[in-house]
PDB file of N, CA and C in Angstrom:
ATOM      1  N   MET A   1     -37.833   9.693  -7.075  1.00  0.00           N
ATOM      2  CA  MET A   1     -37.258  10.075  -7.814  1.00  0.00           C
ATOM      3  C   MET A   1     -36.088  11.333  -7.797  1.00  0.00           C
ATOM      4  N   ASN A   2     -37.313  12.368  -7.058  1.00  0.00           N
ATOM      5  CA  ASN A   2     -36.259  13.698  -7.160  1.00  0.00           C
ATOM      6  C   ASN A   2     -35.088  13.421  -6.160  1.00  0.00           C
ATOM      7  N   SER A   3     -35.516  12.630  -4.824  1.00  0.00           N
ATOM      8  CA  SER A   3     -34.169  12.665  -4.070  1.00  0.00           C
ATOM      9  C   SER A   3     -32.965  11.893  -4.634  1.00  0.00           C
ATOM     10  N   ILE A   4     -33.305  11.284  -5.641  1.00  0.00           N
ATOM     11  CA  ILE A   4     -31.913  10.564  -6.408  1.00  0.00           C
ATOM     12  C   ILE A   4     -31.028  11.245  -6.934  1.00  0.00           C
ATOM     13  N   SER A   5     -31.847  12.578  -7.604  1.00  0.00           N
ATOM     14  CA  SER A   5     -31.417  13.443  -8.794  1.00  0.00           C
ATOM     15  C   SER A   5     -30.346  14.611  -7.676  1.00  0.00           C
ATOM     16  N   ASN A   6     -30.844  14.544  -6.545  1.00  0.00           N
ATOM     17  CA  ASN A   6     -30.372  15.745  -5.579  1.00  0.00           C
ATOM     18  C   ASN A   6     -29.694  15.190  -5.077  1.00  0.00           C
ATOM     19  N   TYR A   7     -29.396  13.481  -4.938  1.00  0.00           N
ATOM     20  CA  TYR A   7     -28.243  13.082  -4.705  1.00  0.00           C
ATOM     21  C   TYR A   7     -27.240  13.451  -5.473  1.00  0.00           C
ATOM     22  N   PHE A   8     -27.337  12.821  -6.293  1.00  0.00           N
ATOM     23  CA  PHE A   8     -26.042  13.385  -7.587  1.00  0.00           C
ATOM     24  C   PHE A   8     -25.653  14.569  -8.030  1.00  0.00           C
ATOM     25  N   ARG A   9     -26.774  15.065  -8.067  1.00  0.00           N
ATOM     26  CA  ARG A   9     -26.036  16.790  -8.016  1.00  0.00           C
ATOM     27  C   ARG A   9     -25.327  17.012  -7.018  1.00  0.00           C
ATOM     28  N   GLY A  10     -25.507  16.681  -5.679  1.00  0.00           N
ATOM     29  CA  GLY A  10     -24.964  16.832  -4.625  1.00  0.00           C
ATOM     30  C   GLY A  10     -23.217  16.521  -4.582  1.00  0.00           C
ATOM     31  N   VAL A  11     -23.680  15.367  -5.356  1.00  0.00           N
ATOM     32  CA  VAL A  11     -22.051  14.078  -5.919  1.00  0.00           C
ATOM     33  C   VAL A  11     -21.532  15.125  -6.717  1.00  0.00           C
ATOM     34  N   VAL A  12     -21.929  15.665  -7.483  1.00  0.00           N
ATOM     35  CA  VAL A  12     -20.828  16.465  -8.500  1.00  0.00           C
ATOM     36  C   VAL A  12     -20.775  17.703  -7.785  1.00  0.00           C
ATOM     37  N   SER A  13     -21.175  18.359  -7.163  1.00  0.00           N
ATOM     38  CA  SER A  13     -20.981  19.663  -6.243  1.00  0.00           C
ATOM     39  C   SER A  13     -19.986  19.447  -5.848  1.00  0.00           C
ATOM     40  N   GLU A  14     -19.896  18.099  -4.839  1.00  0.00           N
ATOM     41  CA  GLU A  14     -18.731  18.103  -4.191  1.00  0.00           C
ATOM     42  C   GLU A  14     -17.729  17.982  -4.810  1.00  0.00           C
ATOM     43  N   LEU A  15     -17.351  17.060  -5.974  1.00  0.00           N
ATOM     44  CA  LEU A  15     -16.357  16.489  -6.762  1.00  0.00           C
ATOM     45  C   LEU A  15     -15.699  18.121  -7.581  1.00  0.00           C
ATOM     46  N   LYS A  16     -16.407  19.156  -7.748  1.00  0.00           N
ATOM     47  CA  LYS A  16     -16.035  20.118  -8.255  1.00  0.00           C
ATOM     48  C   LYS A  16     -15.074  20.837  -7.064  1.00  0.00           C
ATOM     49  N   LYS A  17     -15.392  20.481  -5.551  1.00  0.00           N
ATOM     50  CA  LYS A  17     -14.730  21.274  -4.372  1.00  0.00           C
ATOM     51  C   LYS A  17     -13.197  20.619  -4.378  1.00  0.00           C
ATOM     52  N   VAL A  18     -12.744  19.399  -5.390  1.00  0.00           N
ATOM     53  CA  VAL A  18     -12.002  18.526  -4.558  1.00  0.00           C
ATOM     54  C   VAL A  18     -10.624  19.135  -5.685  1.00  0.00           C
ATOM     55  N   THR A  19     -10.086  19.274  -4.733  1.00  0.00           N
ATOM     56  CA  THR A  19      -8.539  19.237  -5.289  1.00  0.00           C
ATOM     57  C   THR A  19      -7.534  18.310  -5.669  1.00  0.00           C
ATOM     58  N   TRP A  20      -7.535  18.357  -7.335  1.00  0.00           N
ATOM     59  CA  TRP A  20      -6.965  17.087  -7.794  1.00  0.00           C
ATOM     60  C   TRP A  20      -5.379  16.734  -7.543  1.00  0.00           C
ATOM     61  N   PRO A  21      -4.604  16.068  -7.398  1.00  0.00           N
ATOM     62  CA  PRO A  21      -3.192  15.920  -7.467  1.00  0.00           C
ATOM     63  C   PRO A  21      -2.821  16.173  -8.956  1.00  0.00           C
ATOM     64  N   THR A  22      -1.923  16.754  -8.884  1.00  0.00           N
ATOM     65  CA  THR A  22      -1.200  16.790 -10.774  1.00  0.00           C
ATOM     66  C   THR A  22      -0.543  15.495 -11.049  1.00  0.00           C
ATOM     67  N   ARG A  23      -0.092  15.799 -11.947  1.00  0.00           N
ATOM     68  CA  ARG A  23       0.230  14.077 -12.491  1.00  0.00           C
ATOM     69  C   ARG A  23       1.948  14.003 -11.913  1.00  0.00           C
ATOM     70  N   GLN A  24       2.773  15.161 -11.858  1.00  0.00           N
ATOM     71  CA  GLN A  24       3.720  14.941 -10.969  1.00  0.00           C
ATOM     72  C   GLN A  24       3.876  14.543  -9.573  1.00  0.00           C
ATOM     73  N   GLN A  25       2.875  15.217  -8.817  1.00  0.00           N
ATOM     74  CA  GLN A  25       2.590  14.568  -7.500  1.00  0.00           C
ATOM     75  C   GLN A  25       2.078  12.909  -7.328  1.00  0.00           C
ATOM     76  N   VAL A  26       1.147  12.339  -8.239  1.00  0.00           N
ATOM     77  CA  VAL A  26       0.756  11.141  -8.383  1.00  0.00           C
ATOM     78  C   VAL A  26       2.152  10.373  -8.960  1.00  0.00           C
ATOM     79  N   ILE A  27       2.908  10.783  -9.711  1.00  0.00           N
ATOM     80  CA  ILE A  27       4.281   9.991 -10.159  1.00  0.00           C
ATOM     81  C   ILE A  27       5.241   9.742  -8.886  1.00  0.00           C
ATOM     82  N   ASN A  28       5.554  11.206  -8.007  1.00  0.00           N
ATOM     83  CA  ASN A  28       6.252  11.103  -6.586  1.00  0.00           C
ATOM     84  C   ASN A  28       5.290   9.716  -5.839  1.00  0.00           C
ATOM     85  N   HIS A  29       4.315  10.296  -5.780  1.00  0.00           N
ATOM     86  CA  HIS A  29       3.410   9.204  -4.692  1.00  0.00           C
ATOM     87  C   HIS A  29       3.594   8.056  -4.784  1.00  0.00           C
ATOM     88  N   THR A  30       3.429   7.197  -6.086  1.00  0.00           N
ATOM     89  CA  THR A  30       3.672   6.340  -6.607  1.00  0.00           C
ATOM     90  C   THR A  30       5.006   5.846  -6.518  1.00  0.00           C
ATOM     91  N   ILE A  31       6.001   6.220  -6.430  1.00  0.00           N
ATOM     92  CA  ILE A  31       7.551   5.620  -6.298  1.00  0.00           C
ATOM     93  C   ILE A  31       7.667   5.653  -4.967  1.00  0.00           C
ATOM     94  N   ILE A  32       7.352   6.544  -4.036  1.00  0.00           N
ATOM     95  CA  ILE A  32       7.415   6.902  -2.371  1.00  0.00           C
ATOM     96  C   ILE A  32       6.850   5.036  -2.327  1.00  0.00           C
ATOM     97  N   VAL A  33       5.085   5.017  -2.358  1.00  0.00           N
ATOM     98  CA  VAL A  33       4.686   3.421  -2.309  1.00  0.00           C
ATOM     99  C   VAL A  33       5.698   2.451  -2.814  1.00  0.00           C
ATOM    100  N   LEU A  34       6.091   2.376  -4.145  1.00  0.00           N
ATOM    101  CA  LEU A  34       6.794   1.387  -4.003  1.00  0.00           C
ATOM    102  C   LEU A  34       8.356   0.878  -3.859  1.00  0.00           C
ATOM    103  N   VAL A  35       8.926   2.327  -3.607  1.00  0.00           N
ATOM    104  CA  VAL A  35      10.316   1.650  -2.790  1.00  0.00           C
ATOM    105  C   VAL A  35       9.828   1.568  -1.518  1.00  0.00           C
ATOM    106  N   SER A  36       8.735   1.725  -0.755  1.00  0.00           N
ATOM    107  CA  SER A  36       8.368   1.502   0.577  1.00  0.00           C
ATOM    108  C   SER A  36       7.920  -0.054   0.299  1.00  0.00           C
ATOM    109  N   ALA A  37       7.076  -0.446  -0.426  1.00  0.00           N
ATOM    110  CA  ALA A  37       6.867  -1.973  -0.767  1.00  0.00           C
ATOM    111  C   ALA A  37       8.023  -2.447  -0.811  1.00  0.00           C
ATOM    112  N   ILE A  38       8.924  -2.248  -1.795  1.00  0.00           N
ATOM    113  CA  ILE A  38      10.071  -3.277  -2.228  1.00  0.00           C
ATOM    114  C   ILE A  38      11.308  -3.354  -0.524  1.00  0.00           C
ATOM    115  N   ILE A  39      10.846  -1.979   0.281  1.00  0.00           N
ATOM    116  CA  ILE A  39      11.718  -2.247   1.375  1.00  0.00           C
ATOM    117  C   ILE A  39      11.110  -3.136   2.540  1.00  0.00           C
ATOM    118  N   ALA A  40       9.583  -3.445   2.524  1.00  0.00           N
ATOM    119  CA  ALA A  40       8.946  -3.770   3.424  1.00  0.00           C
ATOM    120  C   ALA A  40       9.180  -5.234   3.092  1.00  0.00           C
ATOM    121  N   ILE A  41       9.119  -5.663   1.595  1.00  0.00           N
ATOM    122  CA  ILE A  41       9.223  -7.191   1.211  1.00  0.00           C
ATOM    123  C   ILE A  41      10.890  -7.703   1.498  1.00  0.00           C
ATOM    124  N   ALA A  42      11.527  -6.775   1.472  1.00  0.00           N
ATOM    125  CA  ALA A  42      13.265  -6.940   2.040  1.00  0.00           C
ATOM    126  C   ALA A  42      13.214  -7.558   2.968  1.00  0.00           C
ATOM    127  N   VAL A  43      13.108  -6.588   4.010  1.00  0.00           N
ATOM    128  CA  VAL A  43      13.056  -6.718   5.666  1.00  0.00           C
ATOM    129  C   VAL A  43      11.940  -8.159   5.818  1.00  0.00           C
ATOM    130  N   THR A  44      10.973  -8.251   5.166  1.00  0.00           N
ATOM    131  CA  THR A  44      10.239  -9.079   5.587  1.00  0.00           C
ATOM    132  C   THR A  44      10.914 -10.819   4.783  1.00  0.00           C
ATOM    133  N   SER A  45      11.515 -10.805   3.909  1.00  0.00           N
ATOM    134  CA  SER A  45      12.013 -11.443   3.555  1.00  0.00           C
ATOM    135  C   SER A  45      13.501 -11.968   4.462  1.00  0.00           C
ATOM    136  N   LEU A  46      14.113 -10.962   4.916  1.00  0.00           N
ATOM    137  CA  LEU A  46      15.525 -11.433   5.714  1.00  0.00           C
ATOM    138  C   LEU A  46      15.121 -12.097   6.899  1.00  0.00           C
ATOM    139  N   ILE A  47      13.709 -11.630   7.492  1.00  0.00           N
ATOM    140  CA  ILE A  47      13.944 -11.934   8.750  1.00  0.00           C
ATOM    141  C   ILE A  47      13.147 -13.312   8.557  1.00  0.00           C
ATOM    142  N   ASP A  48      12.073 -13.670   7.372  1.00  0.00           N
ATOM    143  CA  ASP A  48      12.186 -15.116   7.213  1.00  0.00           C
ATOM    144  C   ASP A  48      13.042 -16.000   6.579  1.00  0.00           C
ATOM    145  N   TYR A  49      13.848 -15.354   6.039  1.00  0.00           N
ATOM    146  CA  TYR A  49      15.579 -16.572   5.870  1.00  0.00           C
ATOM    147  C   TYR A  49      16.053 -16.866   7.114  1.00  0.00           C
ATOM    148  N   GLY A  50      16.065 -15.871   7.811  1.00  0.00           N
ATOM    149  CA  GLY A  50      17.248 -16.022   9.106  1.00  0.00           C
ATOM    150  C   GLY A  50      16.168 -16.764  10.130  1.00  0.00           C
ATOM    151  N   LEU A  51      14.714 -16.534   9.971  1.00  0.00           N
ATOM    152  CA  LEU A  51      14.044 -17.996  11.131  1.00  0.00           C
ATOM    153  C   LEU A  51      13.621 -18.865  10.337  1.00  0.00           C
ATOM    154  N   THR A  52      13.997 -18.995   9.543  1.00  0.00           N
ATOM    155  CA  THR A  52      14.053 -20.518   8.742  1.00  0.00           C
ATOM    156  C   THR A  52      15.667 -21.113   8.716  1.00  0.00           C
ATOM    157  N   TYR A  53      16.483 -20.590   8.706  1.00  0.00           N
ATOM    158  CA  TYR A  53      17.826 -20.841   9.128  1.00  0.00           C
ATOM    159  C   TYR A  53      18.056 -21.550  10.752  1.00  0.00           C
ATOM    160  N   LEU A  54      17.625 -20.164  11.367  1.00  0.00           N
ATOM    161  CA  LEU A  54      17.628 -20.918  12.753  1.00  0.00           C
ATOM    162  C   LEU A  54      17.068 -22.174  13.243  1.00  0.00           C
ATOM    163  N   VAL A  55      15.597 -22.536  12.553  1.00  0.00           N
ATOM    164  CA  VAL A  55      14.672 -23.514  13.006  1.00  0.00           C
ATOM    165  C   VAL A  55      15.574 -24.943  12.400  1.00  0.00           C
ATOM    166  N   GLN A  56      16.132 -24.400  11.197  1.00  0.00           N
ATOM    167  CA  GLN A  56      16.814 -25.885  10.569  1.00  0.00           C
ATOM    168  C   GLN A  56      17.992 -26.136  11.537  1.00  0.00           C
ATOM    169  N   TYR A  57      18.756 -25.089  11.989  1.00  0.00           N
ATOM    170  CA  TYR A  57      19.976 -25.348  12.931  1.00  0.00           C
ATOM    171  C   TYR A  57      19.759 -25.986  14.393  1.00  0.00           C
ATOM    172  N   LEU A  58      18.638 -25.241  14.692  1.00  0.00           N
ATOM    173  CA  LEU A  58      18.070 -26.227  16.125  1.00  0.00           C
ATOM    174  C   LEU A  58      17.599 -27.395  15.737  1.00  0.00           C
ATOM    175  N   VAL A  59      17.004 -27.809  14.202  1.00  0.00           N
ATOM    176  CA  VAL A  59      16.441 -29.104  14.204  1.00  0.00           C
ATOM    177  C   VAL A  59      17.463 -30.443  14.063  1.00  0.00           C
ATOM    178  N   GLN A  60      18.304 -29.604  13.322  1.00  0.00           N
ATOM    179  CA  GLN A  60      19.730 -30.496  13.174  1.00  0.00           C
ATOM    180  C   GLN A  60      20.434 -30.742  14.375  1.00  0.00           C
ATOM    181  N   ASN A  61      20.838 -29.944  15.399  1.00  0.00           N
ATOM    182  CA  ASN A  61      21.445 -30.180  16.249  1.00  0.00           C
ATOM    183  C   ASN A  61      20.735 -31.099  17.569  1.00  0.00           C
ATOM    184  N   ARG A  62      19.385 -31.082  17.223  1.00  0.00           N
ATOM    185  CA  ARG A  62      18.946 -31.857  18.256  1.00  0.00           C
ATOM    186  C   ARG A  62      18.429 -33.438  18.038  1.00  0.00           C
ATOM    187  N   SER A  63      19.094 -33.433  16.883  1.00  0.00           N
ATOM    188  CA  SER A  63      18.720 -35.278  16.679  1.00  0.00           C
ATOM    189  C   SER A  63      20.598 -36.153  16.576  1.00  0.00           C
TER     190      SER A  63
END
């Protein structure tokens, strides 16, 4: 039982050493992640649309 309490004391001790981000840093990083995700989705969608169009074009011209 003593080792479990020592473990949690160590966890609390380490958490006191953590430098937590400010509210503004969290907001800025969240915006960066959202914009990056939107750009990745847009690029992936354009590639998917282009490849779909290409395959349909090739299939229709083979007939």
